[in-house]
N, C-alpha and C. Protein backbone atom coordinates (compact mmCIF):
# COMPACT_ATOMS: atom_id res chain seq x y z
N MET A 1 -18.19 1.88 -118.55
CA MET A 1 -19.31 2.24 -119.37
C MET A 1 -19.77 1.02 -120.14
N SER A 2 -21.05 0.82 -120.08
CA SER A 2 -21.56 -0.37 -120.73
C SER A 2 -21.98 -0.04 -122.15
N SER A 3 -21.93 -0.99 -122.99
CA SER A 3 -22.29 -0.77 -124.38
C SER A 3 -23.81 -0.83 -124.55
N PHE A 4 -24.29 -0.27 -125.65
CA PHE A 4 -25.73 -0.22 -125.93
C PHE A 4 -26.22 -1.61 -126.22
N GLN A 5 -27.34 -1.97 -125.60
CA GLN A 5 -27.94 -3.27 -125.85
C GLN A 5 -29.27 -3.06 -126.54
N TYR A 6 -29.49 -3.80 -127.60
CA TYR A 6 -30.75 -3.69 -128.32
C TYR A 6 -31.87 -4.23 -127.46
N PRO A 7 -33.04 -3.51 -127.42
CA PRO A 7 -34.13 -4.02 -126.60
C PRO A 7 -34.71 -5.30 -127.23
N ASP A 8 -35.08 -6.17 -126.36
CA ASP A 8 -35.66 -7.41 -126.89
C ASP A 8 -37.14 -7.20 -127.23
N TYR A 9 -37.77 -8.23 -127.71
CA TYR A 9 -39.16 -8.15 -128.19
C TYR A 9 -40.10 -7.69 -127.10
N GLN A 10 -39.95 -8.21 -125.90
CA GLN A 10 -40.83 -7.87 -124.78
C GLN A 10 -40.72 -6.40 -124.44
N GLN A 11 -39.53 -5.88 -124.42
CA GLN A 11 -39.32 -4.46 -124.10
C GLN A 11 -39.94 -3.57 -125.19
N ARG A 12 -39.75 -3.95 -126.45
CA ARG A 12 -40.32 -3.16 -127.54
C ARG A 12 -41.85 -3.16 -127.46
N GLN A 13 -42.42 -4.30 -127.16
CA GLN A 13 -43.87 -4.41 -127.07
C GLN A 13 -44.42 -3.57 -125.92
N SER A 14 -43.77 -3.60 -124.78
CA SER A 14 -44.24 -2.82 -123.64
C SER A 14 -44.07 -1.33 -123.90
N ALA A 15 -43.01 -0.93 -124.59
CA ALA A 15 -42.80 0.49 -124.91
C ALA A 15 -43.87 0.98 -125.88
N ALA A 16 -44.24 0.15 -126.86
CA ALA A 16 -45.29 0.53 -127.81
C ALA A 16 -46.63 0.64 -127.10
N ALA A 17 -46.94 -0.28 -126.20
CA ALA A 17 -48.20 -0.23 -125.45
C ALA A 17 -48.25 1.01 -124.58
N ALA A 18 -47.11 1.34 -123.97
CA ALA A 18 -47.06 2.54 -123.10
C ALA A 18 -47.27 3.80 -123.96
N ALA A 19 -46.68 3.84 -125.14
CA ALA A 19 -46.85 5.00 -126.01
C ALA A 19 -48.30 5.11 -126.46
N LYS A 20 -48.90 3.98 -126.79
CA LYS A 20 -50.32 4.01 -127.19
C LYS A 20 -51.19 4.48 -126.03
N GLN A 21 -50.90 3.99 -124.85
CA GLN A 21 -51.68 4.39 -123.67
C GLN A 21 -51.52 5.88 -123.40
N ALA A 22 -50.31 6.40 -123.58
CA ALA A 22 -50.07 7.82 -123.34
C ALA A 22 -50.81 8.67 -124.37
N MET A 23 -50.82 8.23 -125.64
CA MET A 23 -51.55 8.97 -126.67
C MET A 23 -53.04 8.95 -126.39
N LEU A 24 -53.55 7.79 -125.93
CA LEU A 24 -54.97 7.67 -125.62
C LEU A 24 -55.34 8.59 -124.45
N GLN A 25 -54.51 8.65 -123.44
CA GLN A 25 -54.78 9.53 -122.30
C GLN A 25 -54.76 11.00 -122.73
N LYS A 26 -53.80 11.33 -123.59
CA LYS A 26 -53.72 12.70 -124.08
C LYS A 26 -54.97 13.06 -124.89
N PHE A 27 -55.45 12.16 -125.75
CA PHE A 27 -56.65 12.41 -126.55
C PHE A 27 -57.88 12.55 -125.66
N ARG A 28 -58.01 11.65 -124.68
CA ARG A 28 -59.16 11.73 -123.77
C ARG A 28 -59.16 13.05 -123.00
N ALA A 29 -58.01 13.48 -122.56
CA ALA A 29 -57.92 14.74 -121.81
C ALA A 29 -58.31 15.91 -122.72
N ALA A 30 -57.88 15.85 -123.98
CA ALA A 30 -58.21 16.94 -124.90
C ALA A 30 -59.69 16.93 -125.24
N SER A 31 -60.29 15.75 -125.39
CA SER A 31 -61.70 15.70 -125.76
C SER A 31 -62.61 16.09 -124.60
N GLU A 32 -62.14 15.93 -123.38
CA GLU A 32 -62.94 16.32 -122.22
C GLU A 32 -62.77 17.79 -121.87
N ASN A 33 -61.87 18.48 -122.53
CA ASN A 33 -61.61 19.89 -122.26
C ASN A 33 -62.82 20.70 -122.73
N PRO A 34 -63.42 21.56 -121.89
CA PRO A 34 -64.58 22.35 -122.30
C PRO A 34 -64.24 23.37 -123.40
N GLU A 35 -63.02 23.83 -123.44
CA GLU A 35 -62.62 24.78 -124.48
C GLU A 35 -62.68 24.12 -125.85
N VAL A 36 -62.26 22.87 -125.92
CA VAL A 36 -62.30 22.14 -127.19
C VAL A 36 -63.76 21.93 -127.62
N ALA A 37 -64.62 21.59 -126.68
CA ALA A 37 -66.04 21.39 -126.98
C ALA A 37 -66.67 22.70 -127.46
N ARG A 38 -66.30 23.80 -126.83
CA ARG A 38 -66.83 25.11 -127.23
C ARG A 38 -66.38 25.46 -128.65
N ARG A 39 -65.10 25.24 -128.95
CA ARG A 39 -64.60 25.52 -130.29
C ARG A 39 -65.28 24.63 -131.33
N HIS A 40 -65.50 23.38 -130.98
CA HIS A 40 -66.17 22.45 -131.90
C HIS A 40 -67.61 22.93 -132.17
N ALA A 41 -68.32 23.34 -131.11
CA ALA A 41 -69.68 23.83 -131.28
C ALA A 41 -69.69 25.10 -132.14
N ALA A 42 -68.71 25.97 -131.96
CA ALA A 42 -68.63 27.19 -132.76
C ALA A 42 -68.37 26.84 -134.23
N ARG A 43 -67.50 25.85 -134.46
CA ARG A 43 -67.23 25.41 -135.83
C ARG A 43 -68.47 24.83 -136.48
N VAL A 44 -69.22 24.04 -135.73
CA VAL A 44 -70.45 23.44 -136.26
C VAL A 44 -71.46 24.54 -136.60
N THR A 45 -71.59 25.53 -135.71
CA THR A 45 -72.52 26.64 -135.95
C THR A 45 -72.11 27.43 -137.20
N MET A 46 -70.81 27.70 -137.33
CA MET A 46 -70.34 28.43 -138.51
C MET A 46 -70.59 27.64 -139.78
N ASN A 47 -70.38 26.34 -139.73
CA ASN A 47 -70.59 25.50 -140.91
C ASN A 47 -72.08 25.50 -141.31
N GLU A 48 -72.96 25.41 -140.31
CA GLU A 48 -74.39 25.45 -140.61
C GLU A 48 -74.79 26.80 -141.22
N ALA A 49 -74.25 27.89 -140.67
CA ALA A 49 -74.54 29.22 -141.21
C ALA A 49 -74.02 29.32 -142.64
N ARG A 50 -72.84 28.76 -142.90
CA ARG A 50 -72.27 28.78 -144.25
C ARG A 50 -73.16 28.01 -145.21
N LEU A 51 -73.66 26.85 -144.77
CA LEU A 51 -74.55 26.06 -145.62
C LEU A 51 -75.84 26.83 -145.94
N VAL A 52 -76.37 27.55 -144.93
CA VAL A 52 -77.58 28.35 -145.15
C VAL A 52 -77.31 29.45 -146.17
N ARG A 53 -76.17 30.14 -146.03
CA ARG A 53 -75.83 31.20 -146.98
C ARG A 53 -75.64 30.64 -148.40
N ILE A 54 -75.03 29.49 -148.50
CA ILE A 54 -74.84 28.86 -149.81
C ILE A 54 -76.20 28.53 -150.42
N ALA A 55 -77.11 27.99 -149.62
CA ALA A 55 -78.45 27.66 -150.12
C ALA A 55 -79.19 28.93 -150.57
N GLU A 56 -79.05 30.01 -149.79
CA GLU A 56 -79.69 31.27 -150.17
C GLU A 56 -79.12 31.80 -151.48
N ARG A 57 -77.79 31.72 -151.64
CA ARG A 57 -77.17 32.18 -152.90
C ARG A 57 -77.64 31.35 -154.07
N GLU A 58 -77.74 30.04 -153.88
CA GLU A 58 -78.20 29.17 -154.96
C GLU A 58 -79.66 29.50 -155.33
N ALA A 59 -80.49 29.74 -154.32
CA ALA A 59 -81.90 30.09 -154.59
C ALA A 59 -81.98 31.42 -155.34
N ALA A 60 -81.17 32.40 -154.91
CA ALA A 60 -81.17 33.69 -155.59
C ALA A 60 -80.66 33.54 -157.02
N LYS A 61 -79.66 32.69 -157.20
CA LYS A 61 -79.12 32.46 -158.54
C LYS A 61 -80.16 31.81 -159.44
N ARG A 62 -80.88 30.82 -158.92
CA ARG A 62 -81.94 30.17 -159.70
C ARG A 62 -83.05 31.16 -160.05
N ALA A 63 -83.42 32.01 -159.09
CA ALA A 63 -84.47 33.00 -159.35
C ALA A 63 -84.00 33.99 -160.42
N HIS A 64 -82.74 34.41 -160.34
CA HIS A 64 -82.19 35.34 -161.34
C HIS A 64 -82.15 34.69 -162.72
N GLU A 65 -81.75 33.43 -162.77
CA GLU A 65 -81.72 32.72 -164.06
C GLU A 65 -83.13 32.56 -164.63
N ALA A 66 -84.10 32.30 -163.76
CA ALA A 66 -85.48 32.19 -164.23
C ALA A 66 -85.97 33.53 -164.76
N GLU A 67 -85.61 34.61 -164.07
CA GLU A 67 -86.00 35.95 -164.53
C GLU A 67 -85.35 36.27 -165.88
N LEU A 68 -84.08 35.91 -166.02
CA LEU A 68 -83.40 36.14 -167.30
C LEU A 68 -84.03 35.31 -168.41
N ALA A 69 -84.40 34.08 -168.10
CA ALA A 69 -85.05 33.24 -169.11
C ALA A 69 -86.40 33.84 -169.51
N GLU A 70 -87.13 34.36 -168.52
CA GLU A 70 -88.42 34.97 -168.81
C GLU A 70 -88.24 36.22 -169.67
N GLN A 71 -87.23 37.03 -169.35
CA GLN A 71 -86.96 38.22 -170.16
C GLN A 71 -86.56 37.83 -171.58
N ALA A 72 -85.76 36.79 -171.70
CA ALA A 72 -85.34 36.34 -173.03
C ALA A 72 -86.54 35.84 -173.82
N ALA A 73 -87.45 35.13 -173.15
CA ALA A 73 -88.65 34.64 -173.83
C ALA A 73 -89.51 35.82 -174.29
N ARG A 74 -89.65 36.82 -173.40
CA ARG A 74 -90.42 38.00 -173.77
C ARG A 74 -89.78 38.73 -174.95
N ALA A 75 -88.47 38.86 -174.91
CA ALA A 75 -87.76 39.53 -176.00
C ALA A 75 -87.91 38.75 -177.30
N ALA A 76 -87.85 37.42 -177.22
CA ALA A 76 -88.01 36.60 -178.42
C ALA A 76 -89.42 36.74 -178.97
N GLU A 77 -90.42 36.79 -178.08
CA GLU A 77 -91.81 36.94 -178.52
C GLU A 77 -92.00 38.30 -179.20
N LEU A 78 -91.43 39.36 -178.60
CA LEU A 78 -91.53 40.69 -179.20
C LEU A 78 -90.83 40.73 -180.56
N ALA A 79 -89.67 40.09 -180.64
CA ALA A 79 -88.95 40.06 -181.92
C ALA A 79 -89.76 39.30 -182.97
N ALA A 80 -90.37 38.19 -182.56
CA ALA A 80 -91.18 37.42 -183.50
C ALA A 80 -92.39 38.24 -183.96
N GLN A 81 -93.03 38.94 -183.03
CA GLN A 81 -94.18 39.76 -183.38
C GLN A 81 -93.75 40.89 -184.32
N GLU A 82 -92.62 41.51 -184.03
CA GLU A 82 -92.12 42.58 -184.90
C GLU A 82 -91.80 42.02 -186.29
N GLN A 83 -91.24 40.83 -186.33
CA GLN A 83 -90.93 40.19 -187.61
C GLN A 83 -92.22 39.94 -188.40
N ARG A 84 -93.25 39.42 -187.71
CA ARG A 84 -94.53 39.18 -188.39
C ARG A 84 -95.12 40.48 -188.93
N GLU A 85 -95.08 41.54 -188.11
CA GLU A 85 -95.62 42.83 -188.55
C GLU A 85 -94.83 43.36 -189.76
N THR A 86 -93.52 43.19 -189.72
CA THR A 86 -92.69 43.63 -190.84
C THR A 86 -93.03 42.86 -192.10
N GLU A 87 -93.20 41.54 -191.96
CA GLU A 87 -93.55 40.72 -193.11
C GLU A 87 -94.92 41.09 -193.66
N GLU A 88 -95.86 41.35 -192.75
CA GLU A 88 -97.20 41.76 -193.20
C GLU A 88 -97.12 43.10 -193.95
N ALA A 89 -96.35 44.05 -193.41
CA ALA A 89 -96.21 45.35 -194.06
C ALA A 89 -95.55 45.19 -195.43
N GLU A 90 -94.54 44.34 -195.50
CA GLU A 90 -93.87 44.12 -196.79
C GLU A 90 -94.82 43.46 -197.78
N ALA A 91 -95.62 42.51 -197.31
CA ALA A 91 -96.58 41.84 -198.19
C ALA A 91 -97.62 42.84 -198.69
N LEU A 92 -98.11 43.71 -197.79
CA LEU A 92 -99.08 44.73 -198.18
C LEU A 92 -98.45 45.69 -199.20
N LEU A 93 -97.23 46.10 -198.95
CA LEU A 93 -96.54 46.99 -199.87
C LEU A 93 -96.34 46.33 -201.23
N ALA A 94 -95.97 45.04 -201.22
CA ALA A 94 -95.79 44.33 -202.48
C ALA A 94 -97.12 44.21 -203.22
N ALA A 95 -98.20 43.95 -202.49
CA ALA A 95 -99.52 43.85 -203.12
C ALA A 95 -99.93 45.19 -203.73
N GLN A 96 -99.71 46.28 -202.99
CA GLN A 96 -100.04 47.61 -203.51
C GLN A 96 -99.19 47.93 -204.73
N SER A 97 -97.93 47.58 -204.69
CA SER A 97 -97.04 47.83 -205.81
C SER A 97 -97.49 47.03 -207.03
N ALA A 98 -97.87 45.77 -206.82
CA ALA A 98 -98.35 44.94 -207.93
C ALA A 98 -99.64 45.52 -208.50
N GLU A 99 -100.54 45.99 -207.62
CA GLU A 99 -101.80 46.59 -208.07
C GLU A 99 -101.53 47.85 -208.90
N ARG A 100 -100.60 48.70 -208.42
CA ARG A 100 -100.25 49.90 -209.17
C ARG A 100 -99.65 49.54 -210.52
N ALA A 101 -98.83 48.49 -210.55
CA ALA A 101 -98.21 48.07 -211.82
C ALA A 101 -99.29 47.59 -212.79
N ILE A 102 -100.27 46.85 -212.27
CA ILE A 102 -101.37 46.37 -213.12
C ILE A 102 -102.17 47.55 -213.66
N LEU A 103 -102.49 48.52 -212.78
CA LEU A 103 -103.23 49.71 -213.22
C LEU A 103 -102.43 50.50 -214.25
N LEU A 104 -101.11 50.64 -214.04
CA LEU A 104 -100.28 51.36 -214.98
C LEU A 104 -100.26 50.67 -216.34
N LYS A 105 -100.13 49.34 -216.32
CA LYS A 105 -100.14 48.60 -217.58
C LYS A 105 -101.49 48.75 -218.29
N ALA A 106 -102.59 48.74 -217.52
CA ALA A 106 -103.92 48.91 -218.12
C ALA A 106 -104.04 50.29 -218.74
N GLU A 107 -103.55 51.34 -218.01
CA GLU A 107 -103.59 52.69 -218.55
C GLU A 107 -102.73 52.80 -219.82
N GLN A 108 -101.54 52.19 -219.78
CA GLN A 108 -100.67 52.24 -220.95
C GLN A 108 -101.32 51.52 -222.14
N LYS A 109 -101.97 50.39 -221.85
CA LYS A 109 -102.65 49.65 -222.93
C LYS A 109 -103.80 50.48 -223.49
N ALA A 110 -104.56 51.13 -222.59
CA ALA A 110 -105.68 51.96 -223.06
C ALA A 110 -105.15 53.10 -223.91
N ALA A 111 -104.06 53.72 -223.48
CA ALA A 111 -103.48 54.83 -224.26
C ALA A 111 -102.98 54.32 -225.61
N ARG A 112 -102.33 53.16 -225.61
CA ARG A 112 -101.84 52.57 -226.86
C ARG A 112 -102.99 52.24 -227.79
N ASP A 113 -104.05 51.65 -227.23
CA ASP A 113 -105.23 51.33 -228.03
C ASP A 113 -105.89 52.59 -228.59
N ALA A 114 -105.92 53.66 -227.78
CA ALA A 114 -106.50 54.92 -228.25
C ALA A 114 -105.67 55.49 -229.39
N ARG A 115 -104.34 55.44 -229.28
CA ARG A 115 -103.48 55.92 -230.36
C ARG A 115 -103.68 55.07 -231.62
N TYR A 116 -103.75 53.78 -231.43
CA TYR A 116 -103.97 52.88 -232.56
C TYR A 116 -105.31 53.20 -233.24
N ALA A 117 -106.36 53.37 -232.43
CA ALA A 117 -107.69 53.69 -232.98
C ALA A 117 -107.65 55.04 -233.69
N ALA A 118 -106.92 56.02 -233.15
CA ALA A 118 -106.82 57.34 -233.78
C ALA A 118 -106.10 57.22 -235.11
N ARG A 119 -105.02 56.43 -235.16
CA ARG A 119 -104.30 56.23 -236.42
C ARG A 119 -105.19 55.57 -237.46
N LYS A 120 -105.92 54.55 -237.01
CA LYS A 120 -106.84 53.86 -237.93
C LYS A 120 -107.91 54.82 -238.46
N ALA A 121 -108.47 55.63 -237.56
CA ALA A 121 -109.51 56.58 -237.97
C ALA A 121 -108.93 57.61 -238.93
N ALA A 122 -107.70 58.07 -238.66
CA ALA A 122 -107.07 59.05 -239.54
C ALA A 122 -106.79 58.43 -240.91
N LYS A 123 -106.34 57.20 -240.92
CA LYS A 123 -106.05 56.51 -242.17
C LYS A 123 -107.33 56.30 -242.96
N LYS A 124 -108.39 55.93 -242.25
CA LYS A 124 -109.68 55.70 -242.90
C LYS A 124 -110.20 57.01 -243.49
N GLU A 125 -110.00 58.09 -242.75
CA GLU A 125 -110.47 59.39 -243.23
C GLU A 125 -109.68 59.84 -244.45
N ARG A 126 -108.41 59.55 -244.46
CA ARG A 126 -107.59 59.92 -245.62
C ARG A 126 -108.00 59.14 -246.85
N ARG A 127 -108.38 57.89 -246.65
CA ARG A 127 -108.79 57.08 -247.79
C ARG A 127 -110.11 57.58 -248.37
N ARG A 128 -110.99 58.00 -247.51
CA ARG A 128 -112.29 58.51 -248.00
C ARG A 128 -112.11 59.85 -248.70
N GLY A 129 -111.18 60.56 -248.19
CA GLY A 129 -110.92 61.83 -248.81
C GLY A 129 -111.71 62.99 -248.22
N TYR A 130 -112.39 62.84 -247.17
CA TYR A 130 -113.10 64.00 -246.62
C TYR A 130 -112.72 64.24 -245.24
């Protein structure tokens, strides 16, 4: 029985070249296989369909976001209009309240002046004696 001998440089180089050649032949045979080409075409078709669906979802999402933004703008406009109407109603109510207060003060002053005039007239009448 002979002992193991390490391969020399030439043998190692030829073995590596043979392995490379075998891998290349295997790859070429696989790439020329019609089944592989069919599967590749199916994968490409599925990927394109996936990209179309993604684009459709993105477009639908953008349209939905635009609709939500439009609704939010409408709601903000309605809220602002309601706020303006509320402020106008409060201002009108405050003006009416101020007007009523002025009228009440005028009535109170007139009543006070009438009482004062009546007291003066009564005092004057008492002084005259008739």
